[in-house]
């Protein structure tokens, strides 16, 4: 797995998603409940940015239609979304948040 720097840990506000692009992939990085998560930033139901939504109970909600996705698994918790979105491994090194958007072969 190739990890790349997504942002600084100090840049992340609790429960406030930060959109980054890593190797051409839109990613929402979220600090919540003492952990940092990285989830694909595009809703599986509509082509909108999840990082514009709200975070609560380890879920990120799509601002357009209200579907929420679990930050740990990417699974939707309610309609209208029925397909999960990818989640990505995260490592913290010092103040760097590192994310891997590559798939192992």
PDB file of N, CA and C in Angstrom:
ATOM      1  N   UNK A   1       0.841  -1.180   0.000  1.00  0.00           N
ATOM      2  CA  UNK A   1       0.000   0.000   0.000  1.00  0.00           C
ATOM      3  C   UNK A   1       0.881   1.236   0.000  1.00  0.00           C
ATOM      4  N   UNK A   2       0.571   2.158  -0.866  1.00  0.00           N
ATOM      5  CA  UNK A   2       1.315   3.410  -0.923  1.00  0.00           C
ATOM      6  C   UNK A   2       0.533   4.498  -0.199  1.00  0.00           C
ATOM      7  N   UNK A   3       1.109   4.994   0.884  1.00  0.00           N
ATOM      8  CA  UNK A   3       0.466   6.070   1.645  1.00  0.00           C
ATOM      9  C   UNK A   3       1.030   7.412   1.185  1.00  0.00           C
ATOM     10  N   UNK A   4       0.138   8.391   1.044  1.00  0.00           N
ATOM     11  CA  UNK A   4       0.548   9.743   0.683  1.00  0.00           C
ATOM     12  C   UNK A   4      -0.042  10.716   1.696  1.00  0.00           C
ATOM     13  N   UNK A   5       0.630  11.843   1.868  1.00  0.00           N
ATOM     14  CA  UNK A   5       0.144  12.839   2.822  1.00  0.00           C
ATOM     15  C   UNK A   5      -1.134  13.474   2.298  1.00  0.00           C
ATOM     16  N   UNK A   6      -2.174  13.419   3.127  1.00  0.00           N
ATOM     17  CA  UNK A   6      -3.459  14.024   2.778  1.00  0.00           C
ATOM     18  C   UNK A   6      -3.557  15.440   3.336  1.00  0.00           C
ATOM     19  N   UNK A   7      -3.086  15.612   4.570  1.00  0.00           N
ATOM     20  CA  UNK A   7      -3.150  16.912   5.236  1.00  0.00           C
ATOM     21  C   UNK A   7      -2.400  16.796   6.555  1.00  0.00           C
ATOM     22  N   UNK A   8      -2.363  17.888   7.283  1.00  0.00           N
ATOM     23  CA  UNK A   8      -1.795  17.872   8.631  1.00  0.00           C
ATOM     24  C   UNK A   8      -2.913  17.568   9.626  1.00  0.00           C
ATOM     25  N   UNK A   9      -2.601  16.785  10.628  1.00  0.00           N
ATOM     26  CA  UNK A   9      -3.573  16.471  11.666  1.00  0.00           C
ATOM     27  C   UNK A   9      -4.089  17.748  12.318  1.00  0.00           C
ATOM     28  N   UNK A  10      -3.211  18.721  12.495  1.00  0.00           N
ATOM     29  CA  UNK A  10      -3.598  19.988  13.123  1.00  0.00           C
ATOM     30  C   UNK A  10      -4.580  20.797  12.275  1.00  0.00           C
ATOM     31  N   UNK A  11      -4.714  20.463  10.980  1.00  0.00           N
ATOM     32  CA  UNK A  11      -5.670  21.153  10.104  1.00  0.00           C
ATOM     33  C   UNK A  11      -7.093  20.643  10.288  1.00  0.00           C
ATOM     34  N   UNK A  12      -7.250  19.457  10.881  1.00  0.00           N
ATOM     35  CA  UNK A  12      -8.567  18.839  10.988  1.00  0.00           C
ATOM     36  C   UNK A  12      -9.303  19.298  12.234  1.00  0.00           C
ATOM     37  N   UNK A  13     -10.484  19.842  12.021  1.00  0.00           N
ATOM     38  CA  UNK A  13     -11.356  20.205  13.133  1.00  0.00           C
ATOM     39  C   UNK A  13     -12.282  19.024  13.408  1.00  0.00           C
ATOM     40  N   UNK A  14     -12.569  18.771  14.653  1.00  0.00           N
ATOM     41  CA  UNK A  14     -13.448  17.670  15.039  1.00  0.00           C
ATOM     42  C   UNK A  14     -14.781  17.761  14.300  1.00  0.00           C
ATOM     43  N   UNK A  15     -15.192  16.650  13.700  1.00  0.00           N
ATOM     44  CA  UNK A  15     -16.476  16.511  13.006  1.00  0.00           C
ATOM     45  C   UNK A  15     -16.651  17.452  11.815  1.00  0.00           C
ATOM     46  N   UNK A  16     -15.549  17.928  11.249  1.00  0.00           N
ATOM     47  CA  UNK A  16     -15.608  18.807  10.072  1.00  0.00           C
ATOM     48  C   UNK A  16     -14.806  18.161   8.944  1.00  0.00           C
ATOM     49  N   UNK A  17     -15.506  17.622   7.926  1.00  0.00           N
ATOM     50  CA  UNK A  17     -14.799  16.951   6.833  1.00  0.00           C
ATOM     51  C   UNK A  17     -13.884  17.905   6.063  1.00  0.00           C
ATOM     52  N   UNK A  18     -12.761  17.364   5.597  1.00  0.00           N
ATOM     53  CA  UNK A  18     -11.827  18.126   4.763  1.00  0.00           C
ATOM     54  C   UNK A  18     -11.659  17.375   3.453  1.00  0.00           C
ATOM     55  N   UNK A  19     -11.949  18.026   2.351  1.00  0.00           N
ATOM     56  CA  UNK A  19     -11.807  17.407   1.032  1.00  0.00           C
ATOM     57  C   UNK A  19     -10.370  17.565   0.541  1.00  0.00           C
ATOM     58  N   UNK A  20      -9.814  16.462   0.068  1.00  0.00           N
ATOM     59  CA  UNK A  20      -8.482  16.453  -0.541  1.00  0.00           C
ATOM     60  C   UNK A  20      -8.567  15.597  -1.797  1.00  0.00           C
ATOM     61  N   UNK A  21      -7.613  15.776  -2.690  1.00  0.00           N
ATOM     62  CA  UNK A  21      -7.528  14.914  -3.861  1.00  0.00           C
ATOM     63  C   UNK A  21      -6.183  14.210  -3.816  1.00  0.00           C
ATOM     64  N   UNK A  22      -6.226  12.879  -3.855  1.00  0.00           N
ATOM     65  CA  UNK A  22      -5.021  12.066  -3.767  1.00  0.00           C
ATOM     66  C   UNK A  22      -4.932  11.165  -4.994  1.00  0.00           C
ATOM     67  N   UNK A  23      -3.893  11.354  -5.772  1.00  0.00           N
ATOM     68  CA  UNK A  23      -3.719  10.564  -7.000  1.00  0.00           C
ATOM     69  C   UNK A  23      -4.973  10.592  -7.866  1.00  0.00           C
ATOM     70  N   UNK A  24      -5.627  11.761  -7.946  1.00  0.00           N
ATOM     71  CA  UNK A  24      -6.826  11.921  -8.767  1.00  0.00           C
ATOM     72  C   UNK A  24      -8.104  11.420  -8.122  1.00  0.00           C
ATOM     73  N   UNK A  25      -8.026  10.964  -6.878  1.00  0.00           N
ATOM     74  CA  UNK A  25      -9.193  10.437  -6.173  1.00  0.00           C
ATOM     75  C   UNK A  25      -9.681  11.453  -5.146  1.00  0.00           C
ATOM     76  N   UNK A  26     -10.968  11.856  -5.216  1.00  0.00           N
ATOM     77  CA  UNK A  26     -11.503  12.763  -4.204  1.00  0.00           C
ATOM     78  C   UNK A  26     -11.746  12.018  -2.890  1.00  0.00           C
ATOM     79  N   UNK A  27     -11.201  12.559  -1.811  1.00  0.00           N
ATOM     80  CA  UNK A  27     -11.274  11.911  -0.501  1.00  0.00           C
ATOM     81  C   UNK A  27     -11.741  12.927   0.536  1.00  0.00           C
ATOM     82  N   UNK A  28     -12.594  12.478   1.422  1.00  0.00           N
ATOM     83  CA  UNK A  28     -13.000  13.280   2.573  1.00  0.00           C
ATOM     84  C   UNK A  28     -12.291  12.725   3.795  1.00  0.00           C
ATOM     85  N   UNK A  29     -11.510  13.568   4.465  1.00  0.00           N
ATOM     86  CA  UNK A  29     -10.782  13.170   5.671  1.00  0.00           C
ATOM     87  C   UNK A  29     -11.527  13.759   6.864  1.00  0.00           C
ATOM     88  N   UNK A  30     -11.807  12.905   7.843  1.00  0.00           N
ATOM     89  CA  UNK A  30     -12.634  13.321   8.979  1.00  0.00           C
ATOM     90  C   UNK A  30     -11.985  12.891  10.287  1.00  0.00           C
ATOM     91  N   UNK A  31     -11.916  13.837  11.218  1.00  0.00           N
ATOM     92  CA  UNK A  31     -11.457  13.547  12.587  1.00  0.00           C
ATOM     93  C   UNK A  31     -12.699  13.541  13.472  1.00  0.00           C
ATOM     94  N   UNK A  32     -12.977  12.374  14.068  1.00  0.00           N
ATOM     95  CA  UNK A  32     -14.155  12.259  14.925  1.00  0.00           C
ATOM     96  C   UNK A  32     -13.950  11.129  15.921  1.00  0.00           C
ATOM     97  N   UNK A  33     -14.509  11.265  17.081  1.00  0.00           N
ATOM     98  CA  UNK A  33     -14.474  10.240  18.124  1.00  0.00           C
ATOM     99  C   UNK A  33     -13.059   9.730  18.391  1.00  0.00           C
ATOM    100  N   UNK A  34     -12.075  10.628  18.328  1.00  0.00           N
ATOM    101  CA  UNK A  34     -10.705  10.279  18.642  1.00  0.00           C
ATOM    102  C   UNK A  34      -9.951   9.544  17.538  1.00  0.00           C
ATOM    103  N   UNK A  35     -10.546   9.428  16.356  1.00  0.00           N
ATOM    104  CA  UNK A  35      -9.904   8.748  15.239  1.00  0.00           C
ATOM    105  C   UNK A  35      -9.956   9.620  13.990  1.00  0.00           C
ATOM    106  N   UNK A  36      -9.172   9.229  12.985  1.00  0.00           N
ATOM    107  CA  UNK A  36      -9.197   9.908  11.691  1.00  0.00           C
ATOM    108  C   UNK A  36      -9.590   8.884  10.637  1.00  0.00           C
ATOM    109  N   UNK A  37     -10.533   9.261   9.791  1.00  0.00           N
ATOM    110  CA  UNK A  37     -11.059   8.389   8.754  1.00  0.00           C
ATOM    111  C   UNK A  37     -10.890   9.046   7.393  1.00  0.00           C
ATOM    112  N   UNK A  38     -10.790   8.204   6.361  1.00  0.00           N
ATOM    113  CA  UNK A  38     -10.751   8.693   4.981  1.00  0.00           C
ATOM    114  C   UNK A  38     -11.777   7.890   4.192  1.00  0.00           C
ATOM    115  N   UNK A  39     -12.670   8.607   3.523  1.00  0.00           N
ATOM    116  CA  UNK A  39     -13.759   7.982   2.777  1.00  0.00           C
ATOM    117  C   UNK A  39     -13.859   8.660   1.415  1.00  0.00           C
ATOM    118  N   UNK A  40     -14.263   7.899   0.402  1.00  0.00           N
ATOM    119  CA  UNK A  40     -14.430   8.475  -0.931  1.00  0.00           C
ATOM    120  C   UNK A  40     -15.384   9.659  -0.822  1.00  0.00           C
ATOM    121  N   UNK A  41     -15.047  10.758  -1.457  1.00  0.00           N
ATOM    122  CA  UNK A  41     -15.793  11.992  -1.243  1.00  0.00           C
ATOM    123  C   UNK A  41     -17.042  12.133  -2.112  1.00  0.00           C
ATOM    124  N   UNK A  42     -17.334  11.166  -2.957  1.00  0.00           N
ATOM    125  CA  UNK A  42     -18.498  11.296  -3.831  1.00  0.00           C
ATOM    126  C   UNK A  42     -19.576  10.307  -3.389  1.00  0.00           C
ATOM    127  N   UNK A  43     -20.774  10.827  -3.136  1.00  0.00           N
ATOM    128  CA  UNK A  43     -21.915  10.015  -2.716  1.00  0.00           C
ATOM    129  C   UNK A  43     -22.218   8.969  -3.790  1.00  0.00           C
ATOM    130  N   UNK A  44     -22.561   7.755  -3.363  1.00  0.00           N
ATOM    131  CA  UNK A  44     -22.873   6.687  -4.317  1.00  0.00           C
ATOM    132  C   UNK A  44     -24.260   6.835  -4.928  1.00  0.00           C
ATOM    133  N   UNK A  45     -25.073   7.711  -4.390  1.00  0.00           N
ATOM    134  CA  UNK A  45     -26.419   7.931  -4.916  1.00  0.00           C
ATOM    135  C   UNK A  45     -26.462   9.084  -5.907  1.00  0.00           C
ATOM    136  N   UNK A  46     -25.786  10.167  -5.571  1.00  0.00           N
ATOM    137  CA  UNK A  46     -25.760  11.351  -6.433  1.00  0.00           C
ATOM    138  C   UNK A  46     -24.310  11.830  -6.502  1.00  0.00           C
ATOM    139  N   UNK A  47     -23.956  12.434  -7.578  1.00  0.00           N
ATOM    140  CA  UNK A  47     -22.570  12.851  -7.803  1.00  0.00           C
ATOM    141  C   UNK A  47     -22.280  14.165  -7.072  1.00  0.00           C
ATOM    142  N   UNK A  48     -22.311  14.116  -5.736  1.00  0.00           N
ATOM    143  CA  UNK A  48     -22.044  15.311  -4.927  1.00  0.00           C
ATOM    144  C   UNK A  48     -21.004  14.988  -3.861  1.00  0.00           C
ATOM    145  N   UNK A  49     -20.354  16.015  -3.373  1.00  0.00           N
ATOM    146  CA  UNK A  49     -19.269  15.879  -2.402  1.00  0.00           C
ATOM    147  C   UNK A  49     -19.809  15.604  -0.997  1.00  0.00           C
ATOM    148  N   UNK A  50     -19.345  14.501  -0.415  1.00  0.00           N
ATOM    149  CA  UNK A  50     -19.740  14.187   0.961  1.00  0.00           C
ATOM    150  C   UNK A  50     -19.103  15.140   1.962  1.00  0.00           C
ATOM    151  N   UNK A  51     -17.964  15.731   1.610  1.00  0.00           N
ATOM    152  CA  UNK A  51     -17.278  16.614   2.557  1.00  0.00           C
ATOM    153  C   UNK A  51     -18.060  17.892   2.828  1.00  0.00           C
ATOM    154  N   UNK A  52     -19.104  18.137   2.063  1.00  0.00           N
ATOM    155  CA  UNK A  52     -19.966  19.290   2.327  1.00  0.00           C
ATOM    156  C   UNK A  52     -21.073  18.944   3.313  1.00  0.00           C
ATOM    157  N   UNK A  53     -21.134  17.671   3.722  1.00  0.00           N
ATOM    158  CA  UNK A  53     -22.168  17.233   4.654  1.00  0.00           C
ATOM    159  C   UNK A  53     -21.711  17.317   6.097  1.00  0.00           C
ATOM    160  N   UNK A  54     -22.571  16.824   6.986  1.00  0.00           N
ATOM    161  CA  UNK A  54     -22.284  16.865   8.419  1.00  0.00           C
ATOM    162  C   UNK A  54     -21.846  15.503   8.920  1.00  0.00           C
ATOM    163  N   UNK A  55     -21.082  15.517  10.015  1.00  0.00           N
ATOM    164  CA  UNK A  55     -20.592  14.298  10.641  1.00  0.00           C
ATOM    165  C   UNK A  55     -21.229  14.166  12.017  1.00  0.00           C
ATOM    166  N   UNK A  56     -21.763  12.962  12.279  1.00  0.00           N
ATOM    167  CA  UNK A  56     -22.342  12.674  13.588  1.00  0.00           C
ATOM    168  C   UNK A  56     -22.359  11.168  13.789  1.00  0.00           C
ATOM    169  N   UNK A  57     -22.047  10.717  14.994  1.00  0.00           N
ATOM    170  CA  UNK A  57     -22.070   9.283  15.335  1.00  0.00           C
ATOM    171  C   UNK A  57     -21.264   8.439  14.349  1.00  0.00           C
ATOM    172  N   UNK A  58     -20.076   8.915  13.984  1.00  0.00           N
ATOM    173  CA  UNK A  58     -19.159   8.203  13.087  1.00  0.00           C
ATOM    174  C   UNK A  58     -19.768   7.954  11.699  1.00  0.00           C
ATOM    175  N   UNK A  59     -20.641   8.879  11.286  1.00  0.00           N
ATOM    176  CA  UNK A  59     -21.233   8.829   9.959  1.00  0.00           C
ATOM    177  C   UNK A  59     -21.107  10.196   9.304  1.00  0.00           C
ATOM    178  N   UNK A  60     -21.018  10.176   7.965  1.00  0.00           N
ATOM    179  CA  UNK A  60     -21.025  11.415   7.207  1.00  0.00           C
ATOM    180  C   UNK A  60     -22.297  11.424   6.367  1.00  0.00           C
ATOM    181  N   UNK A  61     -23.008  12.535   6.413  1.00  0.00           N
ATOM    182  CA  UNK A  61     -24.294  12.641   5.736  1.00  0.00           C
ATOM    183  C   UNK A  61     -24.169  13.443   4.456  1.00  0.00           C
ATOM    184  N   UNK A  62     -24.739  12.922   3.388  1.00  0.00           N
ATOM    185  CA  UNK A  62     -24.776  13.642   2.121  1.00  0.00           C
ATOM    186  C   UNK A  62     -25.738  14.819   2.269  1.00  0.00           C
ATOM    187  N   UNK A  63     -25.271  15.999   1.935  1.00  0.00           N
ATOM    188  CA  UNK A  63     -26.070  17.207   2.123  1.00  0.00           C
ATOM    189  C   UNK A  63     -27.257  17.277   1.161  1.00  0.00           C
ATOM    190  N   UNK A  64     -27.212  16.570   0.052  1.00  0.00           N
ATOM    191  CA  UNK A  64     -28.264  16.717  -0.963  1.00  0.00           C
ATOM    192  C   UNK A  64     -29.525  15.931  -0.644  1.00  0.00           C
ATOM    193  N   UNK A  65     -29.389  14.639  -0.347  1.00  0.00           N
ATOM    194  CA  UNK A  65     -30.569  13.807  -0.114  1.00  0.00           C
ATOM    195  C   UNK A  65     -30.597  13.151   1.259  1.00  0.00           C
ATOM    196  N   UNK A  66     -29.560  13.379   2.074  1.00  0.00           N
ATOM    197  CA  UNK A  66     -29.595  12.907   3.455  1.00  0.00           C
ATOM    198  C   UNK A  66     -29.101  11.498   3.711  1.00  0.00           C
ATOM    199  N   UNK A  67     -28.587  10.797   2.702  1.00  0.00           N
ATOM    200  CA  UNK A  67     -28.016   9.478   2.969  1.00  0.00           C
ATOM    201  C   UNK A  67     -26.784   9.641   3.852  1.00  0.00           C
ATOM    202  N   UNK A  68     -26.616   8.736   4.799  1.00  0.00           N
ATOM    203  CA  UNK A  68     -25.447   8.782   5.675  1.00  0.00           C
ATOM    204  C   UNK A  68     -24.616   7.529   5.444  1.00  0.00           C
ATOM    205  N   UNK A  69     -23.283   7.683   5.533  1.00  0.00           N
ATOM    206  CA  UNK A  69     -22.356   6.587   5.313  1.00  0.00           C
ATOM    207  C   UNK A  69     -21.481   6.406   6.536  1.00  0.00           C
ATOM    208  N   UNK A  70     -21.292   5.153   6.948  1.00  0.00           N
ATOM    209  CA  UNK A  70     -20.438   4.835   8.085  1.00  0.00           C
ATOM    210  C   UNK A  70     -18.989   5.134   7.704  1.00  0.00           C
ATOM    211  N   UNK A  71     -18.305   5.934   8.489  1.00  0.00           N
ATOM    212  CA  UNK A  71     -16.921   6.303   8.192  1.00  0.00           C
ATOM    213  C   UNK A  71     -15.965   5.117   8.298  1.00  0.00           C
ATOM    214  N   UNK A  72     -16.348   4.083   9.041  1.00  0.00           N
ATOM    215  CA  UNK A  72     -15.487   2.911   9.206  1.00  0.00           C
ATOM    216  C   UNK A  72     -15.627   1.923   8.050  1.00  0.00           C
ATOM    217  N   UNK A  73     -16.835   1.800   7.484  1.00  0.00           N
ATOM    218  CA  UNK A  73     -17.095   0.767   6.473  1.00  0.00           C
ATOM    219  C   UNK A  73     -17.508   1.315   5.117  1.00  0.00           C
ATOM    220  N   UNK A  74     -18.012   2.538   5.086  1.00  0.00           N
ATOM    221  CA  UNK A  74     -18.529   3.117   3.843  1.00  0.00           C
ATOM    222  C   UNK A  74     -19.954   2.707   3.536  1.00  0.00           C
ATOM    223  N   UNK A  75     -20.552   1.861   4.369  1.00  0.00           N
ATOM    224  CA  UNK A  75     -21.916   1.383   4.100  1.00  0.00           C
ATOM    225  C   UNK A  75     -22.939   2.474   4.395  1.00  0.00           C
ATOM    226  N   UNK A  76     -23.962   2.586   3.521  1.00  0.00           N
ATOM    227  CA  UNK A  76     -25.017   3.565   3.780  1.00  0.00           C
ATOM    228  C   UNK A  76     -25.933   3.068   4.897  1.00  0.00           C
ATOM    229  N   UNK A  77     -26.459   3.999   5.663  1.00  0.00           N
ATOM    230  CA  UNK A  77     -27.347   3.614   6.762  1.00  0.00           C
ATOM    231  C   UNK A  77     -28.810   3.879   6.432  1.00  0.00           C
ATOM    232  N   UNK A  78     -29.064   4.417   5.249  1.00  0.00           N
ATOM    233  CA  UNK A  78     -30.454   4.659   4.880  1.00  0.00           C
ATOM    234  C   UNK A  78     -30.569   5.158   3.454  1.00  0.00           C
ATOM    235  N   UNK A  79     -31.776   5.107   2.967  1.00  0.00           N
ATOM    236  CA  UNK A  79     -32.062   5.546   1.602  1.00  0.00           C
ATOM    237  C   UNK A  79     -31.878   7.054   1.478  1.00  0.00           C
ATOM    238  N   UNK A  80     -31.653   7.552   0.270  1.00  0.00           N
ATOM    239  CA  UNK A  80     -31.775   6.863  -1.005  1.00  0.00           C
ATOM    240  C   UNK A  80     -30.539   6.075  -1.433  1.00  0.00           C
ATOM    241  N   UNK A  81     -29.410   6.231  -0.782  1.00  0.00           N
ATOM    242  CA  UNK A  81     -28.210   5.478  -1.180  1.00  0.00           C
ATOM    243  C   UNK A  81     -28.359   4.006  -0.798  1.00  0.00           C
ATOM    244  N   UNK A  82     -27.949   3.128  -1.698  1.00  0.00           N
ATOM    245  CA  UNK A  82     -27.992   1.692  -1.424  1.00  0.00           C
ATOM    246  C   UNK A  82     -26.620   1.043  -1.590  1.00  0.00           C
ATOM    247  N   UNK A  83     -25.671   1.742  -2.229  1.00  0.00           N
ATOM    248  CA  UNK A  83     -24.329   1.210  -2.443  1.00  0.00           C
ATOM    249  C   UNK A  83     -23.334   1.890  -1.509  1.00  0.00           C
ATOM    250  N   UNK A  84     -22.377   1.131  -0.975  1.00  0.00           N
ATOM    251  CA  UNK A  84     -21.352   1.747  -0.120  1.00  0.00           C
ATOM    252  C   UNK A  84     -20.383   2.589  -0.947  1.00  0.00           C
ATOM    253  N   UNK A  85     -19.628   3.416  -0.264  1.00  0.00           N
ATOM    254  CA  UNK A  85     -18.535   4.160  -0.890  1.00  0.00           C
ATOM    255  C   UNK A  85     -17.230   3.621  -0.300  1.00  0.00           C
ATOM    256  N   UNK A  86     -16.138   3.678  -1.059  1.00  0.00           N
ATOM    257  CA  UNK A  86     -14.874   3.150  -0.553  1.00  0.00           C
ATOM    258  C   UNK A  86     -14.363   3.924   0.662  1.00  0.00           C
ATOM    259  N   UNK A  87     -13.740   3.198   1.579  1.00  0.00           N
ATOM    260  CA  UNK A  87     -13.003   3.810   2.684  1.00  0.00           C
ATOM    261  C   UNK A  87     -11.535   3.457   2.474  1.00  0.00           C
ATOM    262  N   UNK A  88     -10.655   4.292   2.976  1.00  0.00           N
ATOM    263  CA  UNK A  88      -9.234   4.137   2.724  1.00  0.00           C
ATOM    264  C   UNK A  88      -8.459   4.044   4.035  1.00  0.00           C
ATOM    265  N   UNK A  89      -7.390   3.239   4.051  1.00  0.00           N
ATOM    266  CA  UNK A  89      -6.546   3.134   5.248  1.00  0.00           C
ATOM    267  C   UNK A  89      -5.876   4.471   5.578  1.00  0.00           C
ATOM    268  N   UNK A  90      -5.752   4.742   6.870  1.00  0.00           N
ATOM    269  CA  UNK A  90      -5.156   5.985   7.364  1.00  0.00           C
ATOM    270  C   UNK A  90      -4.040   5.641   8.341  1.00  0.00           C
ATOM    271  N   UNK A  91      -2.937   6.400   8.262  1.00  0.00           N
ATOM    272  CA  UNK A  91      -1.854   6.314   9.247  1.00  0.00           C
ATOM    273  C   UNK A  91      -1.538   7.739   9.684  1.00  0.00           C
ATOM    274  N   UNK A  92      -1.194   7.883  10.947  1.00  0.00           N
ATOM    275  CA  UNK A  92      -0.772   9.178  11.472  1.00  0.00           C
ATOM    276  C   UNK A  92       0.715   9.065  11.800  1.00  0.00           C
ATOM    277  N   UNK A  93       1.513   9.958  11.234  1.00  0.00           N
ATOM    278  CA  UNK A  93       2.949  10.023  11.539  1.00  0.00           C
ATOM    279  C   UNK A  93       3.270  11.456  11.931  1.00  0.00           C
ATOM    280  N   UNK A  94       3.476  11.665  13.234  1.00  0.00           N
ATOM    281  CA  UNK A  94       3.679  13.023  13.724  1.00  0.00           C
ATOM    282  C   UNK A  94       2.405  13.825  13.506  1.00  0.00           C
ATOM    283  N   UNK A  95       2.510  14.911  12.730  1.00  0.00           N
ATOM    284  CA  UNK A  95       1.341  15.739  12.413  1.00  0.00           C
ATOM    285  C   UNK A  95       0.802  15.432  11.011  1.00  0.00           C
ATOM    286  N   UNK A  96       1.355  14.414  10.357  1.00  0.00           N
ATOM    287  CA  UNK A  96       0.917  14.083   9.000  1.00  0.00           C
ATOM    288  C   UNK A  96      -0.168  13.008   9.014  1.00  0.00           C
ATOM    289  N   UNK A  97      -1.236  13.272   8.256  1.00  0.00           N
ATOM    290  CA  UNK A  97      -2.272  12.278   8.021  1.00  0.00           C
ATOM    291  C   UNK A  97      -1.968  11.648   6.668  1.00  0.00           C
ATOM    292  N   UNK A  98      -1.671  10.355   6.680  1.00  0.00           N
ATOM    293  CA  UNK A  98      -1.325   9.631   5.460  1.00  0.00           C
ATOM    294  C   UNK A  98      -2.470   8.705   5.090  1.00  0.00           C
ATOM    295  N   UNK A  99      -2.805   8.681   3.798  1.00  0.00           N
ATOM    296  CA  UNK A  99      -3.925   7.888   3.300  1.00  0.00           C
ATOM    297  C   UNK A  99      -3.444   7.080   2.097  1.00  0.00           C
ATOM    298  N   UNK A 100      -3.942   5.861   1.994  1.00  0.00           N
ATOM    299  CA  UNK A 100      -3.646   5.025   0.825  1.00  0.00           C
ATOM    300  C   UNK A 100      -4.913   4.849   0.000  1.00  0.00           C
ATOM    301  N   UNK A 101      -4.882   5.322  -1.233  1.00  0.00           N
ATOM    302  CA  UNK A 101      -6.034   5.137  -2.121  1.00  0.00           C
ATOM    303  C   UNK A 101      -5.753   4.063  -3.177  1.00  0.00           C
ATOM    304  N   UNK A 102      -4.585   3.416  -3.078  1.00  0.00           N
ATOM    305  CA  UNK A 102      -4.228   2.368  -4.039  1.00  0.00           C
ATOM    306  C   UNK A 102      -4.718   1.029  -3.551  1.00  0.00           C
ATOM    307  N   UNK A 103      -5.059   0.170  -4.487  1.00  0.00           N
ATOM    308  CA  UNK A 103      -5.496  -1.181  -4.166  1.00  0.00           C
ATOM    309  C   UNK A 103      -4.307  -2.120  -4.237  1.00  0.00           C
ATOM    310  N   UNK A 104      -4.239  -3.041  -3.298  1.00  0.00           N
ATOM    311  CA  UNK A 104      -3.181  -4.051  -3.348  1.00  0.00           C
ATOM    312  C   UNK A 104      -3.482  -5.019  -4.481  1.00  0.00           C
ATOM    313  N   UNK A 105      -2.414  -5.473  -5.172  1.00  0.00           N
ATOM    314  CA  UNK A 105      -2.639  -6.430  -6.251  1.00  0.00           C
ATOM    315  C   UNK A 105      -2.480  -7.841  -5.764  1.00  0.00           C
TER     316      UNK A 105
END
